[in-house]
Amino acid sequence: MPIENLGHEYEFEPQYGLPERLPSDEFIVWQGSPEVAALASSAFHIKKLVIYFAVLIVACAWPALEEGAGVMAVLLSIKWMTPLALVGLGSVWMMAYMTSRTTVYTLTNKRVVMRLGIVFTVSFNFPLKQVASADIRTLQNGFGDITLALKGSDRIAWIHLWPSVRPWKINKPEPTLRAIPHVQEVSAKLRDAWSQNTGLPAHATASVSSGKSNSNELQVSLT
């Protein structure tokens, strides 16, 4: 099944997270959605934005602080930047919240299904036989991302998958289950489902990336 036929838009959802009811020989192995805080941090970089706006606020207040001005003078110096920062951070958090509420990832014994879209609901189906490998990146508190590398030369536009896509992998986008809970357990279920579906063994190798203790990557070779 070519990738261009794997995604379509729909309004009615006969089964939660799925564009159609599963056939009798297919069943759900796992289903979940991104966690808001983990998604806001990993995909929308809200922590970096907090630091950015904090630096801007300090920069605006610094002349008044350096002159030893009173509290009112300092508050007046940041009267525009502070509301701007709050609106910006609030907008990013709301985007992460809406993305979390409208995104559903489903793993069945035959495929991975992504239901995406805040305004328009679109689903993408990735047969397990089309998955070549998976990278598991663990975040804090057991959350993490699972990135799927697909076989073949067909591809889905990066913007159609965002933020459920590997960052900066634009030429051949890789669908990603972002900020999901219990990522290690889900990755084990993915390996088992892939092996049962293809009849081939899956091999896993772990490595720490960028020296960050809370950002481990597990590469699962599904070949």
Protein backbone atom coordinates (compact mmCIF):
# COMPACT_ATOMS: atom_id res chain seq x y z
CA MET A 1 0.00 0.00 0.00
CA PRO A 2 1.74 3.23 -1.12
CA ILE A 3 2.12 5.97 1.43
CA GLU A 4 0.13 8.54 -0.53
CA ASN A 5 -2.97 6.35 -0.01
CA LEU A 6 -2.39 5.97 3.70
CA GLY A 7 -3.81 9.31 4.84
CA HIS A 8 -7.25 10.77 4.37
CA GLU A 9 -9.52 13.37 5.92
CA TYR A 10 -12.80 12.49 7.60
CA GLU A 11 -15.42 13.89 9.95
CA PHE A 12 -17.22 10.87 11.40
CA GLU A 13 -15.19 8.52 13.60
CA PRO A 14 -16.83 5.08 13.85
CA GLN A 15 -14.20 3.88 16.33
CA TYR A 16 -12.17 6.10 18.64
CA GLY A 17 -8.93 7.16 16.97
CA LEU A 18 -9.69 5.23 13.77
CA PRO A 19 -11.30 6.30 10.48
CA GLU A 20 -13.11 2.95 10.20
CA ARG A 21 -13.87 -0.07 12.30
CA LEU A 22 -11.17 -2.70 12.41
CA PRO A 23 -11.72 -5.93 10.48
CA SER A 24 -12.41 -9.09 12.45
CA ASP A 25 -8.80 -10.29 12.24
CA GLU A 26 -7.31 -7.03 13.57
CA PHE A 27 -7.29 -5.76 17.15
CA ILE A 28 -5.86 -2.84 19.15
CA VAL A 29 -2.62 -3.57 20.99
CA TRP A 30 -2.15 -0.07 22.42
CA GLN A 31 -3.75 3.34 22.07
CA GLY A 32 -2.73 6.69 23.53
CA SER A 33 -2.14 10.41 23.07
CA PRO A 34 0.69 12.87 23.75
CA GLU A 35 0.92 14.19 27.31
CA VAL A 36 0.47 17.97 27.34
CA ALA A 37 3.47 19.01 29.46
CA ALA A 38 5.86 16.56 27.78
CA LEU A 39 4.65 17.65 24.33
CA ALA A 40 4.93 21.34 25.19
CA SER A 41 8.51 20.79 26.32
CA SER A 42 9.80 18.42 23.64
CA ALA A 43 7.89 19.53 20.53
CA PHE A 44 7.00 23.16 21.25
CA HIS A 45 10.14 23.98 23.31
CA ILE A 46 8.19 25.92 25.89
CA LYS A 47 11.01 25.75 28.45
CA LYS A 48 13.36 27.46 26.02
CA LEU A 49 10.71 30.10 25.36
CA VAL A 50 10.38 30.73 29.11
CA ILE A 51 14.13 31.38 29.30
CA TYR A 52 13.99 33.58 26.18
CA PHE A 53 11.20 35.78 27.52
CA ALA A 54 12.83 35.92 30.95
CA VAL A 55 16.01 37.28 29.36
CA LEU A 56 13.99 39.88 27.44
CA ILE A 57 12.18 40.99 30.59
CA VAL A 58 15.46 41.30 32.49
CA ALA A 59 16.95 43.26 29.57
CA CYS A 60 14.01 45.67 29.64
CA ALA A 61 14.23 46.11 33.41
CA TRP A 62 18.02 46.33 33.58
CA PRO A 63 18.43 50.10 32.89
CA ALA A 64 15.97 50.92 35.69
CA LEU A 65 17.61 48.43 38.05
CA GLU A 66 21.06 49.76 37.25
CA GLU A 67 19.97 53.30 38.07
CA GLY A 68 18.50 52.14 41.38
CA ALA A 69 14.98 53.16 40.38
CA GLY A 70 11.99 52.26 42.50
CA VAL A 71 9.66 49.32 42.07
CA MET A 72 7.16 51.31 40.02
CA ALA A 73 9.84 52.41 37.56
CA VAL A 74 10.96 48.80 37.11
CA LEU A 75 7.37 47.66 36.57
CA LEU A 76 6.81 50.40 34.02
CA SER A 77 9.91 49.32 32.11
CA ILE A 78 8.49 45.84 31.61
CA LYS A 79 4.82 46.76 31.21
CA TRP A 80 4.78 45.76 27.53
CA MET A 81 7.16 42.82 27.53
CA THR A 82 5.51 40.91 30.41
CA PRO A 83 2.01 40.72 28.83
CA LEU A 84 3.63 39.81 25.50
CA ALA A 85 5.52 36.98 27.18
CA LEU A 86 2.39 35.71 28.93
CA VAL A 87 0.37 35.78 25.72
CA GLY A 88 3.14 34.02 23.79
CA LEU A 89 3.64 31.28 26.37
CA GLY A 90 -0.11 30.87 26.82
CA SER A 91 -0.57 30.47 23.06
CA VAL A 92 2.15 27.83 22.86
CA TRP A 93 0.68 25.92 25.81
CA MET A 94 -2.79 26.07 24.27
CA MET A 95 -1.37 24.75 20.98
CA ALA A 96 0.22 21.84 22.83
CA TYR A 97 -3.02 21.22 24.74
CA MET A 98 -5.17 21.19 21.60
CA THR A 99 -2.67 18.96 19.81
CA SER A 100 -2.75 16.52 22.71
CA ARG A 101 -6.54 16.50 22.81
CA THR A 102 -6.94 15.85 19.08
CA THR A 103 -4.09 13.39 18.50
CA VAL A 104 -4.58 9.67 18.95
CA TYR A 105 -1.96 7.02 18.22
CA THR A 106 -3.13 3.44 17.74
CA LEU A 107 -1.03 0.32 17.45
CA THR A 108 -2.84 -2.76 16.18
CA ASN A 109 -1.49 -6.18 15.40
CA LYS A 110 -1.09 -5.06 11.77
CA ARG A 111 -0.41 -1.31 11.63
CA VAL A 112 0.20 2.01 13.34
CA VAL A 113 -2.55 4.60 12.92
CA MET A 114 -2.14 8.32 13.61
CA ARG A 115 -5.23 10.47 13.99
CA LEU A 116 -4.08 14.10 13.70
CA GLY A 117 -5.51 17.58 13.19
CA ILE A 118 -6.91 20.36 15.36
CA VAL A 119 -9.18 21.83 12.68
CA PHE A 120 -9.38 19.01 10.13
CA THR A 121 -9.09 15.41 11.26
CA VAL A 122 -6.72 13.32 9.18
CA SER A 123 -5.57 9.76 9.73
CA PHE A 124 -2.42 8.03 8.50
CA ASN A 125 -2.07 4.27 8.40
CA PHE A 126 1.37 2.65 8.45
CA PRO A 127 1.34 -1.13 7.95
CA LEU A 128 3.89 -2.81 10.22
CA LYS A 129 5.39 -4.58 7.20
CA GLN A 130 6.25 -1.13 5.83
CA VAL A 131 8.18 -0.12 8.98
CA ALA A 132 11.95 -0.61 8.62
CA SER A 133 13.11 0.54 12.05
CA ALA A 134 12.06 2.52 15.11
CA ASP A 135 13.96 4.94 17.34
CA ILE A 136 12.78 5.34 20.92
CA ARG A 137 13.78 8.54 22.72
CA THR A 138 13.00 8.62 26.43
CA LEU A 139 12.10 11.89 28.11
CA GLN A 140 11.48 12.55 31.79
CA ASN A 141 9.02 10.60 33.95
CA GLY A 142 8.68 7.68 31.54
CA PHE A 143 7.44 9.72 28.58
CA GLY A 144 9.11 9.52 25.20
CA ASP A 145 8.95 9.51 21.40
CA ILE A 146 8.86 6.57 18.99
CA THR A 147 10.02 7.42 15.47
CA LEU A 148 9.20 5.11 12.58
CA ALA A 149 11.49 4.80 9.54
CA LEU A 150 9.45 3.59 6.57
CA LYS A 151 10.50 1.43 3.66
CA GLY A 152 10.28 2.61 0.08
CA SER A 153 10.73 5.96 -1.61
CA ASP A 154 7.19 7.29 -1.08
CA ARG A 155 6.77 9.92 1.58
CA ILE A 156 4.24 12.13 3.34
CA ALA A 157 4.75 15.89 3.45
CA TRP A 158 6.49 16.91 6.68
CA ILE A 159 3.96 19.64 7.42
CA HIS A 160 1.06 17.16 7.21
CA LEU A 161 2.51 15.15 10.08
CA TRP A 162 3.84 17.95 12.32
CA PRO A 163 4.32 17.78 15.24
CA SER A 164 4.03 13.98 15.02
CA VAL A 165 7.18 13.78 12.95
CA ARG A 166 10.92 13.58 13.57
CA PRO A 167 12.41 17.11 13.82
CA TRP A 168 14.46 18.30 10.82
CA LYS A 169 13.94 15.07 8.86
CA ILE A 170 12.30 16.90 5.97
CA ASN A 171 13.48 15.13 2.80
CA LYS A 172 12.00 11.82 3.94
CA PRO A 173 9.80 12.56 6.97
CA GLU A 174 9.60 9.93 9.70
CA PRO A 175 6.27 9.68 11.57
CA THR A 176 6.73 9.96 15.33
CA LEU A 177 4.54 9.09 18.29
CA ARG A 178 5.33 12.17 20.40
CA ALA A 179 5.42 12.48 24.19
CA ILE A 180 3.59 9.24 24.91
CA PRO A 181 3.49 7.74 28.43
CA HIS A 182 5.27 4.48 29.32
CA VAL A 183 7.31 4.67 26.12
CA GLN A 184 9.42 1.61 26.93
CA GLU A 185 6.34 -0.55 27.38
CA VAL A 186 4.83 0.75 24.14
CA SER A 187 8.09 0.10 22.26
CA ALA A 188 8.08 -3.49 23.51
CA LYS A 189 4.52 -3.93 22.25
CA LEU A 190 5.57 -2.45 18.90
CA ARG A 191 8.46 -4.91 18.63
CA ASP A 192 6.22 -7.85 19.48
CA ALA A 193 3.50 -6.79 17.04
CA TRP A 194 6.05 -6.24 14.28
CA SER A 195 7.67 -9.64 14.83
CA GLN A 196 4.32 -11.43 14.92
CA ASN A 197 3.16 -9.61 11.80
CA THR A 198 6.30 -10.21 9.75
CA GLY A 199 7.54 -13.44 11.28
CA LEU A 200 10.99 -11.87 11.72
CA PRO A 201 12.93 -11.09 14.93
CA ALA A 202 13.47 -7.50 16.07
CA HIS A 203 16.84 -6.41 17.44
CA ALA A 204 17.27 -3.51 19.89
CA THR A 205 20.38 -1.47 20.68
CA ALA A 206 20.46 1.35 23.23
CA SER A 207 22.63 4.48 23.22
CA VAL A 208 22.76 7.76 25.14
CA SER A 209 22.53 10.80 22.86
CA SER A 210 24.18 14.19 23.46
CA GLY A 211 25.27 13.13 26.94
CA LYS A 212 21.85 13.92 28.39
CA SER A 213 20.84 11.49 31.10
CA ASN A 214 17.13 11.98 30.43
CA SER A 215 17.35 11.59 26.65
CA ASN A 216 18.14 7.99 25.74
CA GLU A 217 17.64 6.57 22.29
CA LEU A 218 16.80 2.95 21.59
CA GLN A 219 17.15 1.90 17.98
CA VAL A 220 15.06 -1.10 17.04
CA SER A 221 16.13 -2.76 13.82
CA LEU A 222 13.00 -4.17 12.22
CA THR A 223 14.55 -5.92 9.24
